[in-house]
Amino acid sequence: MDQFELTRLARQGDSDAFYNLICEHKEQMYKIAYSYFRNNQDALEAIQEVTYRAYNNIHKLKQPQYFKTWLLRILINYCIDENKRKKKIAVLPDTVIAGQEEDIDSKLEINHAIEKLNPNYKSIIILKYFEDLTINDIASVMEKPAGTIKTWLNRALKELRMILREEEFDDGDAGRKAAARTEN
C-alpha cells in the first residue's frame, strides 16, 4: 500500500495505517529531533509527542501526499518550542570518525556556529545538509516560499562563515595572549 492510500485510511480513523506511516518516517524524525536536543531521551520524547499530535490532528491534513512534510513541520515546531521552553542549547550530532582530530575540531566548530543561528536558519541548515532535503521540500516543511528558503539559506551560510571567522580570530587572539603571558 502506498503512502497516499495509508494517509487516506489514517484520515478516516484507521490506526494501523497511521502506525505504518509513522514507522516509515521514524528514523528521519529521530535524526531531526536528536539534532535539536542532542539527547536520546528528549529525541524519543519529541517523537512520542509529535506522533500523538499528528494522530489527533490527522483529520486536518488537507492533502495526503504531503503527510511527510506535515509531520516534519510538526516535529520542527515542537523542537523549536521545546528548546525555547527549556532554554537549552541544541547541538548537532557529531558524525565523527575516530582518528581524524582535525576533522573533529572542524565539525565541533561548525556545530558550535550552527548553535548560534536563529531557529529558522538552523532548521534550514539541518534539513538541507543533515537530512538532504531539497529547497522545495524544505519550503513545504516550513510553509514558506522556495525563494524565501533560498534567501534564508544564503543568509544562514553567510552568518555561519562570519561566526566561524570570528571564532578563528578569537582562537588566534587567545593564543597570542597566552603566549604573551608566558613570556612575562
Protein backbone atom coordinates (compact mmCIF):
# COMPACT_ATOMS: atom_id res chain seq x y z
CA MET A 1 0.00 0.00 0.00
CA ASP A 2 1.42 3.40 -0.92
CA GLN A 3 1.74 6.41 1.37
CA PHE A 4 -1.18 8.22 -0.27
CA GLU A 5 -3.53 5.31 0.45
CA LEU A 6 -2.20 4.88 4.00
CA THR A 7 -2.72 8.58 4.65
CA ARG A 8 -6.25 8.44 3.27
CA LEU A 9 -7.05 5.50 5.55
CA ALA A 10 -5.41 7.17 8.56
CA ARG A 11 -7.51 10.28 7.99
CA GLN A 12 -10.58 8.03 8.14
CA GLY A 13 -9.51 6.74 11.56
CA ASP A 14 -7.50 3.62 10.65
CA SER A 15 -4.91 3.50 13.44
CA ASP A 16 -2.95 0.68 11.75
CA ALA A 17 -2.48 2.84 8.66
CA PHE A 18 -1.32 5.73 10.84
CA TYR A 19 1.11 3.41 12.63
CA ASN A 20 2.56 2.29 9.29
CA LEU A 21 3.01 5.92 8.23
CA ILE A 22 4.85 6.76 11.43
CA CYS A 23 7.06 3.68 11.04
CA GLU A 24 8.05 4.85 7.55
CA HIS A 25 9.29 8.17 8.93
CA LYS A 26 10.52 7.29 12.41
CA GLU A 27 14.24 7.24 11.56
CA GLN A 28 14.17 10.65 9.91
CA MET A 29 12.09 12.02 12.78
CA TYR A 30 14.62 10.68 15.27
CA LYS A 31 17.58 12.21 13.39
CA ILE A 32 15.91 15.61 13.28
CA ALA A 33 14.83 15.52 16.92
CA TYR A 34 18.26 14.33 18.01
CA SER A 35 19.92 17.14 16.07
CA TYR A 36 17.88 19.64 18.08
CA PHE A 37 18.23 18.06 21.51
CA ARG A 38 21.46 16.03 21.32
CA ASN A 39 19.86 13.76 23.84
CA ASN A 40 18.30 10.35 23.19
CA GLN A 41 15.58 10.72 25.82
CA ASP A 42 14.47 14.17 24.60
CA ALA A 43 14.51 12.99 20.98
CA LEU A 44 12.33 9.99 21.79
CA GLU A 45 10.00 12.16 23.86
CA ALA A 46 9.69 14.54 20.91
CA ILE A 47 8.77 11.67 18.59
CA GLN A 48 6.18 10.45 21.07
CA GLU A 49 4.63 13.91 21.47
CA VAL A 50 4.65 14.61 17.73
CA THR A 51 3.10 11.22 17.00
CA TYR A 52 0.34 11.99 19.49
CA ARG A 53 -0.24 15.45 17.99
CA ALA A 54 -0.26 14.09 14.45
CA TYR A 55 -2.66 11.30 15.37
CA ASN A 56 -5.09 13.75 16.99
CA ASN A 57 -4.89 16.18 14.08
CA ILE A 58 -4.58 13.96 11.01
CA HIS A 59 -8.08 14.94 10.00
CA LYS A 60 -6.73 18.48 9.47
CA LEU A 61 -4.27 17.29 6.81
CA LYS A 62 -5.79 18.58 3.59
CA GLN A 63 -3.53 16.90 1.04
CA PRO A 64 -2.48 13.31 1.84
CA GLN A 65 0.57 13.47 -0.44
CA TYR A 66 2.11 15.99 1.98
CA PHE A 67 1.92 13.79 5.06
CA LYS A 68 5.71 13.65 5.44
CA THR A 69 6.21 17.42 5.22
CA TRP A 70 3.25 17.98 7.54
CA LEU A 71 4.70 15.56 10.08
CA LEU A 72 8.20 17.06 9.89
CA ARG A 73 6.78 20.56 10.28
CA ILE A 74 5.03 19.48 13.49
CA LEU A 75 8.30 17.95 14.70
CA ILE A 76 10.44 21.00 13.92
CA ASN A 77 7.94 23.36 15.53
CA TYR A 78 7.84 21.14 18.61
CA CYS A 79 11.65 21.02 18.82
CA ILE A 80 12.00 24.78 18.48
CA ASP A 81 9.29 25.43 21.06
CA GLU A 82 10.72 22.88 23.47
CA ASN A 83 14.22 24.34 23.17
CA LYS A 84 12.83 27.79 23.88
CA ARG A 85 10.89 26.45 26.84
CA LYS A 86 13.85 24.62 28.32
CA LYS A 87 16.31 27.30 27.20
CA LYS A 88 18.59 24.55 26.11
CA ILE A 89 21.42 24.92 23.68
CA ALA A 90 20.94 22.36 20.93
CA VAL A 91 23.96 20.67 19.46
CA LEU A 92 24.02 18.90 16.14
CA PRO A 93 25.06 15.27 16.16
CA ASP A 94 28.76 14.55 15.83
CA THR A 95 29.38 12.42 12.78
CA VAL A 96 32.98 11.96 13.75
CA ILE A 97 35.25 9.20 12.53
CA ALA A 98 37.79 8.12 15.15
CA GLY A 99 41.37 9.14 14.49
CA GLN A 100 40.63 12.27 12.50
CA GLU A 101 41.35 15.01 15.02
CA GLU A 102 41.37 17.88 12.53
CA ASP A 103 38.02 16.69 11.24
CA ILE A 104 36.69 16.51 14.80
CA ASP A 105 37.78 20.06 15.54
CA SER A 106 36.23 21.47 12.39
CA LYS A 107 32.95 19.62 12.98
CA LEU A 108 32.79 20.86 16.55
CA GLU A 109 33.42 24.42 15.34
CA ILE A 110 30.67 24.09 12.74
CA ASN A 111 28.25 22.61 15.28
CA HIS A 112 29.04 25.42 17.70
CA ALA A 113 28.49 28.02 14.97
CA ILE A 114 25.16 26.44 13.95
CA GLU A 115 24.00 26.67 17.57
CA LYS A 116 24.30 30.44 17.32
CA LEU A 117 21.94 30.77 14.33
CA ASN A 118 18.34 31.85 14.71
CA PRO A 119 15.86 28.93 14.71
CA ASN A 120 14.73 29.36 11.08
CA TYR A 121 18.28 29.41 9.76
CA LYS A 122 19.23 26.47 11.96
CA SER A 123 16.24 24.46 10.71
CA ILE A 124 17.16 25.12 7.09
CA ILE A 125 20.78 24.07 7.65
CA ILE A 126 19.68 20.87 9.40
CA LEU A 127 17.14 19.97 6.74
CA LYS A 128 19.42 20.83 3.82
CA TYR A 129 22.77 19.46 4.93
CA PHE A 130 21.91 16.81 7.51
CA GLU A 131 18.66 15.46 6.07
CA ASP A 132 19.43 16.14 2.38
CA LEU A 133 16.05 17.72 1.66
CA THR A 134 15.62 19.85 -1.44
CA ILE A 135 14.77 23.54 -1.31
CA ASN A 136 11.18 22.72 -2.35
CA ASP A 137 10.85 20.07 0.38
CA ILE A 138 12.20 22.50 2.97
CA ALA A 139 9.75 25.14 1.72
CA SER A 140 6.89 22.66 2.21
CA VAL A 141 8.03 21.69 5.69
CA MET A 142 8.48 25.28 6.81
CA GLU A 143 5.42 26.57 4.92
CA LYS A 144 7.43 29.29 3.18
CA PRO A 145 8.01 30.06 -0.49
CA ALA A 146 11.07 28.42 -2.08
CA GLY A 147 12.51 31.89 -2.72
CA THR A 148 12.36 32.68 0.98
CA ILE A 149 14.11 29.40 1.80
CA LYS A 150 16.86 30.17 -0.73
CA THR A 151 17.32 33.63 0.76
CA TRP A 152 17.39 32.28 4.32
CA LEU A 153 19.83 29.53 3.31
CA ASN A 154 22.12 32.11 1.74
CA ARG A 155 21.91 34.32 4.84
CA ALA A 156 22.46 31.33 7.14
CA LEU A 157 25.59 30.32 5.23
CA LYS A 158 26.92 33.90 5.28
CA GLU A 159 26.24 34.12 9.00
CA LEU A 160 27.95 30.77 9.59
CA ARG A 161 31.02 31.96 7.68
CA MET A 162 31.09 35.14 9.74
CA ILE A 163 30.76 33.23 13.03
CA LEU A 164 33.49 30.80 12.01
CA ARG A 165 35.80 33.67 11.03
CA GLU A 166 35.16 35.38 14.38
CA GLU A 167 35.88 32.18 16.28
CA GLU A 168 39.04 31.62 14.26
CA PHE A 169 40.16 35.17 15.06
CA ASP A 170 39.24 34.77 18.72
CA ASP A 171 41.19 31.49 18.95
CA GLY A 172 44.23 33.08 17.34
CA ASP A 173 43.97 36.13 19.57
CA ALA A 174 43.64 33.94 22.67
CA GLY A 175 46.73 32.01 21.62
CA ARG A 176 48.72 35.23 21.24
CA LYS A 177 47.54 36.45 24.64
CA ALA A 178 48.51 33.15 26.30
CA ALA A 179 51.94 33.28 24.67
CA ALA A 180 52.44 36.88 25.87
CA ARG A 181 51.51 35.86 29.43
CA THR A 182 54.08 33.06 29.49
CA GLU A 183 56.78 35.43 28.26
CA ASN A 184 56.20 37.83 31.17
